[in-house]
C-alpha cells in the first residue's frame, strides 16, 4: 500500500477512543467492523503511557488495516509509526497536533510516501505552514459541538472552502455525525473525521454504512 492510491483522500475517517474502546478485544472488533463498513482512514489515538499496550494494539490494527487496504494513522507518535513501518507494516501514517513535534522532522524520518496529517484548528496560516512542511492532509475543527473535545475552539464552515487553494485534502473534525456530516461535506470537507458517530454505539458496521450512504448521496 502506498500513498499513490487516491482512495484515502475522500470519505469517512474514524478515530479510536480509549474510553469507548477500553480493551484489545473491543478495539479490534469495533475497528474490524468499521473497516468492513468502509473507511478511508483509521486513526489509532491513545494518550496513555502504557507503551506495551500501545504497541500491541497498534500492531494489531496495522495488520487489520493492511488486510483491508486502508491506511492506519498513528496519533502524535512518530516513534510508534516508525516502529510499525520497520516491522514491515504497510500503509502506516502519522497525525500531528500543534504541540506534538515538528512535521518537517516527521516527514524526513518517515519518508516521502507516508501519510502525515496536521491539526490546523481554525487557521489557514497553520495549514499553509503544514503544507510547506510536507503534510498530506490538513484537519480543521471543531465545527460542531464535540463530546471528545468540548473545549476545542470553534471553526467556521467557510474555512473549508477557503482552504481549497491549498491543494490538500481537507478534514473536518469535531461533532461530525449523521446530522452534521452533510453540512461539512457541502462546505468542502473531503474527509469527515469522527469518533463517537462510528464507535459510540452498537453495530459499528451499520453505523459506518449509514454515514457512507449519506456521503455518497452528496458526491458529485
Protein backbone atom coordinates (compact mmCIF):
# COMPACT_ATOMS: atom_id res chain seq x y z
CA UNK A 1 0.00 0.00 0.00
CA UNK A 2 1.36 3.42 -0.92
CA UNK A 3 0.05 6.93 -1.00
CA UNK A 4 -0.23 6.61 -4.78
CA UNK A 5 -3.74 5.32 -4.17
CA UNK A 6 -6.25 8.17 -4.11
CA UNK A 7 -8.92 6.26 -2.19
CA UNK A 8 -7.89 7.61 1.20
CA UNK A 9 -8.44 11.24 0.14
CA UNK A 10 -12.23 11.24 0.37
CA UNK A 11 -14.63 9.56 2.75
CA UNK A 12 -15.01 8.65 6.40
CA UNK A 13 -12.04 8.96 8.77
CA UNK A 14 -12.59 7.03 12.01
CA UNK A 15 -10.61 7.84 15.16
CA UNK A 16 -10.35 5.41 18.05
CA UNK A 17 -11.07 6.40 21.64
CA UNK A 18 -9.66 4.56 24.65
CA UNK A 19 -12.76 5.33 26.74
CA UNK A 20 -15.16 3.90 24.15
CA UNK A 21 -12.84 1.01 23.22
CA UNK A 22 -11.15 0.16 26.54
CA UNK A 23 -9.55 -3.23 25.82
CA UNK A 24 -7.89 -5.08 22.96
CA UNK A 25 -10.88 -7.22 22.03
CA UNK A 26 -13.35 -4.32 21.97
CA UNK A 27 -10.94 -2.15 19.99
CA UNK A 28 -10.14 -4.75 17.34
CA UNK A 29 -13.72 -5.95 16.93
CA UNK A 30 -15.02 -2.39 16.56
CA UNK A 31 -12.29 -1.38 14.11
CA UNK A 32 -12.78 -4.52 12.05
CA UNK A 33 -16.50 -3.73 11.84
CA UNK A 34 -15.77 -0.10 10.88
CA UNK A 35 -13.36 -1.23 8.16
CA UNK A 36 -15.96 -3.65 6.79
CA UNK A 37 -18.40 -0.75 6.69
CA UNK A 38 -15.98 1.26 4.56
CA UNK A 39 -13.37 3.71 5.85
CA UNK A 40 -10.99 5.98 4.00
CA UNK A 41 -8.65 6.21 7.01
CA UNK A 42 -8.43 4.82 10.53
CA UNK A 43 -6.54 6.66 13.26
CA UNK A 44 -5.24 4.99 16.41
CA UNK A 45 -5.39 7.51 19.24
CA UNK A 46 -4.29 6.51 22.75
CA UNK A 47 -2.74 9.13 25.02
CA UNK A 48 -1.80 6.67 27.77
CA UNK A 49 1.76 5.97 28.88
CA UNK A 50 1.34 2.19 28.55
CA UNK A 51 3.88 1.64 25.78
CA UNK A 52 3.42 -2.14 25.73
CA UNK A 53 -0.33 -1.85 25.23
CA UNK A 54 0.02 0.87 22.62
CA UNK A 55 2.49 -1.21 20.62
CA UNK A 56 0.34 -4.34 20.91
CA UNK A 57 -2.83 -2.55 19.84
CA UNK A 58 -1.16 -0.52 17.08
CA UNK A 59 0.47 -3.60 15.59
CA UNK A 60 -2.83 -5.48 15.63
CA UNK A 61 -4.60 -2.55 13.98
CA UNK A 62 -1.83 -2.18 11.40
CA UNK A 63 -2.30 -5.81 10.42
CA UNK A 64 -6.06 -5.38 10.26
CA UNK A 65 -5.82 -2.21 8.16
CA UNK A 66 -3.32 -3.81 5.84
CA UNK A 67 -5.78 -6.65 5.22
CA UNK A 68 -8.47 -4.08 4.32
CA UNK A 69 -6.04 -1.92 2.28
CA UNK A 70 -6.83 1.11 4.44
CA UNK A 71 -4.05 3.32 5.86
CA UNK A 72 -3.58 3.34 9.63
CA UNK A 73 -2.72 6.76 11.02
CA UNK A 74 -0.90 6.93 14.36
CA UNK A 75 -1.84 9.89 16.52
CA UNK A 76 1.02 12.07 17.75
CA UNK A 77 3.75 9.40 17.99
CA UNK A 78 6.37 9.43 15.26
CA UNK A 79 8.37 6.75 17.06
CA UNK A 80 5.46 4.32 17.10
CA UNK A 81 4.75 4.93 13.41
CA UNK A 82 8.42 4.28 12.61
CA UNK A 83 8.44 1.11 14.69
CA UNK A 84 5.42 -0.22 12.81
CA UNK A 85 6.97 0.65 9.47
CA UNK A 86 10.25 -1.02 10.43
CA UNK A 87 8.28 -4.12 11.48
CA UNK A 88 7.06 -4.39 7.89
CA UNK A 89 3.56 -2.97 8.14
CA UNK A 90 2.47 -1.12 5.00
CA UNK A 91 0.34 1.99 4.88
CA UNK A 92 1.21 3.39 8.32
CA UNK A 93 1.00 7.17 8.64
CA UNK A 94 1.00 9.84 11.31
CA UNK A 95 -1.17 12.69 12.57
CA UNK A 96 0.41 15.56 14.50
CA UNK A 97 -1.20 18.21 16.64
CA UNK A 98 0.31 21.64 17.04
CA UNK A 99 2.25 20.63 20.17
CA UNK A 100 3.26 17.12 19.13
CA UNK A 101 6.53 17.53 17.29
CA UNK A 102 7.76 19.09 14.07
CA UNK A 103 6.01 17.95 10.94
CA UNK A 104 9.06 18.58 8.76
CA UNK A 105 11.15 16.32 11.01
CA UNK A 106 8.48 13.61 10.93
CA UNK A 107 8.37 13.82 7.14
CA UNK A 108 12.13 13.40 6.97
CA UNK A 109 12.05 10.39 9.30
CA UNK A 110 9.05 8.66 7.73
CA UNK A 111 9.90 9.40 4.11
CA UNK A 112 8.03 10.90 1.22
CA UNK A 113 5.40 8.17 0.83
CA UNK A 114 3.95 8.23 4.36
CA UNK A 115 0.64 9.94 5.00
CA UNK A 116 1.12 12.72 7.52
CA UNK A 117 -1.73 14.91 8.67
CA UNK A 118 -1.74 18.11 10.69
CA UNK A 119 -4.22 19.64 13.11
CA UNK A 120 -4.80 23.24 11.99
CA UNK A 121 -7.75 24.22 14.23
CA UNK A 122 -9.35 27.28 12.58
CA UNK A 123 -6.17 28.64 10.98
CA UNK A 124 -5.32 28.87 7.30
CA UNK A 125 -1.88 30.07 8.33
CA UNK A 126 -1.22 26.83 10.20
CA UNK A 127 -2.48 24.86 7.21
CA UNK A 128 -0.20 26.72 4.82
CA UNK A 129 2.75 26.05 7.11
CA UNK A 130 1.82 22.37 7.31
CA UNK A 131 1.68 22.13 3.54
CA UNK A 132 5.14 23.67 3.32
CA UNK A 133 6.48 21.13 5.81
CA UNK A 134 5.13 18.19 3.83
CA UNK A 135 1.62 17.48 5.14
CA UNK A 136 -0.51 15.01 3.18
CA UNK A 137 -3.76 16.48 4.53
CA UNK A 138 -4.90 19.26 6.85
CA UNK A 139 -7.55 18.92 9.56
CA UNK A 140 -9.77 21.79 10.69
CA UNK A 141 -12.25 21.99 13.55
CA UNK A 142 -14.11 21.71 15.75
CA UNK A 143 -17.06 22.70 13.57
CA UNK A 144 -19.86 21.39 15.81
CA UNK A 145 -20.36 20.51 19.47
CA UNK A 146 -17.97 17.71 20.32
CA UNK A 147 -18.11 15.26 23.22
CA UNK A 148 -14.49 14.19 22.80
CA UNK A 149 -13.11 17.75 22.54
CA UNK A 150 -15.73 20.01 24.13
CA UNK A 151 -13.24 22.79 24.90
CA UNK A 152 -11.69 22.98 21.43
CA UNK A 153 -12.14 26.42 19.84
CA UNK A 154 -14.85 26.54 17.16
CA UNK A 155 -14.08 26.91 13.47
CA UNK A 156 -16.38 28.36 10.78
CA UNK A 157 -17.52 26.03 8.00
CA UNK A 158 -16.48 28.70 5.47
CA UNK A 159 -12.87 27.85 6.34
CA UNK A 160 -13.15 24.60 4.37
CA UNK A 161 -13.85 26.43 1.12
CA UNK A 162 -11.14 28.96 1.88
CA UNK A 163 -8.64 26.11 2.23
CA UNK A 164 -9.36 24.72 -1.24
CA UNK A 165 -6.39 26.59 -2.74
CA UNK A 166 -4.01 24.60 -0.55
CA UNK A 167 -4.44 21.66 -2.89
CA UNK A 168 -4.57 19.16 0.00
CA UNK A 169 -7.44 17.00 1.24
CA UNK A 170 -9.38 18.86 3.94
CA UNK A 171 -10.54 17.02 7.04
CA UNK A 172 -13.49 18.24 9.09
CA UNK A 173 -13.43 17.19 12.73
CA UNK A 174 -15.47 17.97 15.80
CA UNK A 175 -19.06 16.87 16.24
CA UNK A 176 -19.29 15.08 12.87
CA UNK A 177 -22.29 12.74 12.88
CA UNK A 178 -25.35 11.84 10.80
CA UNK A 179 -26.83 15.27 11.48
CA UNK A 180 -23.77 17.39 10.68
CA UNK A 181 -21.88 15.39 8.05
CA UNK A 182 -23.88 16.81 5.16
CA UNK A 183 -23.14 20.39 6.19
CA UNK A 184 -19.41 19.68 6.44
CA UNK A 185 -19.31 17.90 3.10
CA UNK A 186 -21.23 20.67 1.33
CA UNK A 187 -18.86 23.22 2.86
CA UNK A 188 -15.91 21.48 1.22
CA UNK A 189 -14.69 18.72 3.52
CA UNK A 190 -13.05 15.84 1.68
CA UNK A 191 -12.71 13.65 4.75
CA UNK A 192 -15.15 13.53 7.67
CA UNK A 193 -13.41 12.57 10.91
CA UNK A 194 -15.42 11.14 13.76
CA UNK A 195 -15.06 9.23 16.99
CA UNK A 196 -18.48 8.83 18.54
CA UNK A 197 -20.54 8.60 15.34
CA UNK A 198 -18.53 5.49 14.49
CA UNK A 199 -17.64 3.93 17.84
CA UNK A 200 -20.25 5.43 20.17
CA UNK A 201 -22.92 2.75 19.81
CA UNK A 202 -23.70 -0.82 18.85
CA UNK A 203 -23.40 -2.28 15.33
CA UNK A 204 -20.42 -0.22 14.22
CA UNK A 205 -20.52 -1.61 10.69
CA UNK A 206 -24.11 -0.46 10.21
CA UNK A 207 -23.29 2.99 11.61
CA UNK A 208 -20.43 3.37 9.12
CA UNK A 209 -22.55 2.17 6.22
CA UNK A 210 -25.28 4.69 7.04
CA UNK A 211 -22.76 7.52 7.13
CA UNK A 212 -21.23 6.37 3.85
CA UNK A 213 -24.63 6.23 2.16
CA UNK A 214 -25.27 9.77 3.31
CA UNK A 215 -21.90 10.97 2.00
CA UNK A 216 -22.36 9.12 -1.31
CA UNK A 217 -25.64 10.93 -1.88
CA UNK A 218 -23.77 14.24 -1.63
CA UNK A 219 -20.97 13.29 -4.01
CA UNK A 220 -20.93 14.85 -7.49
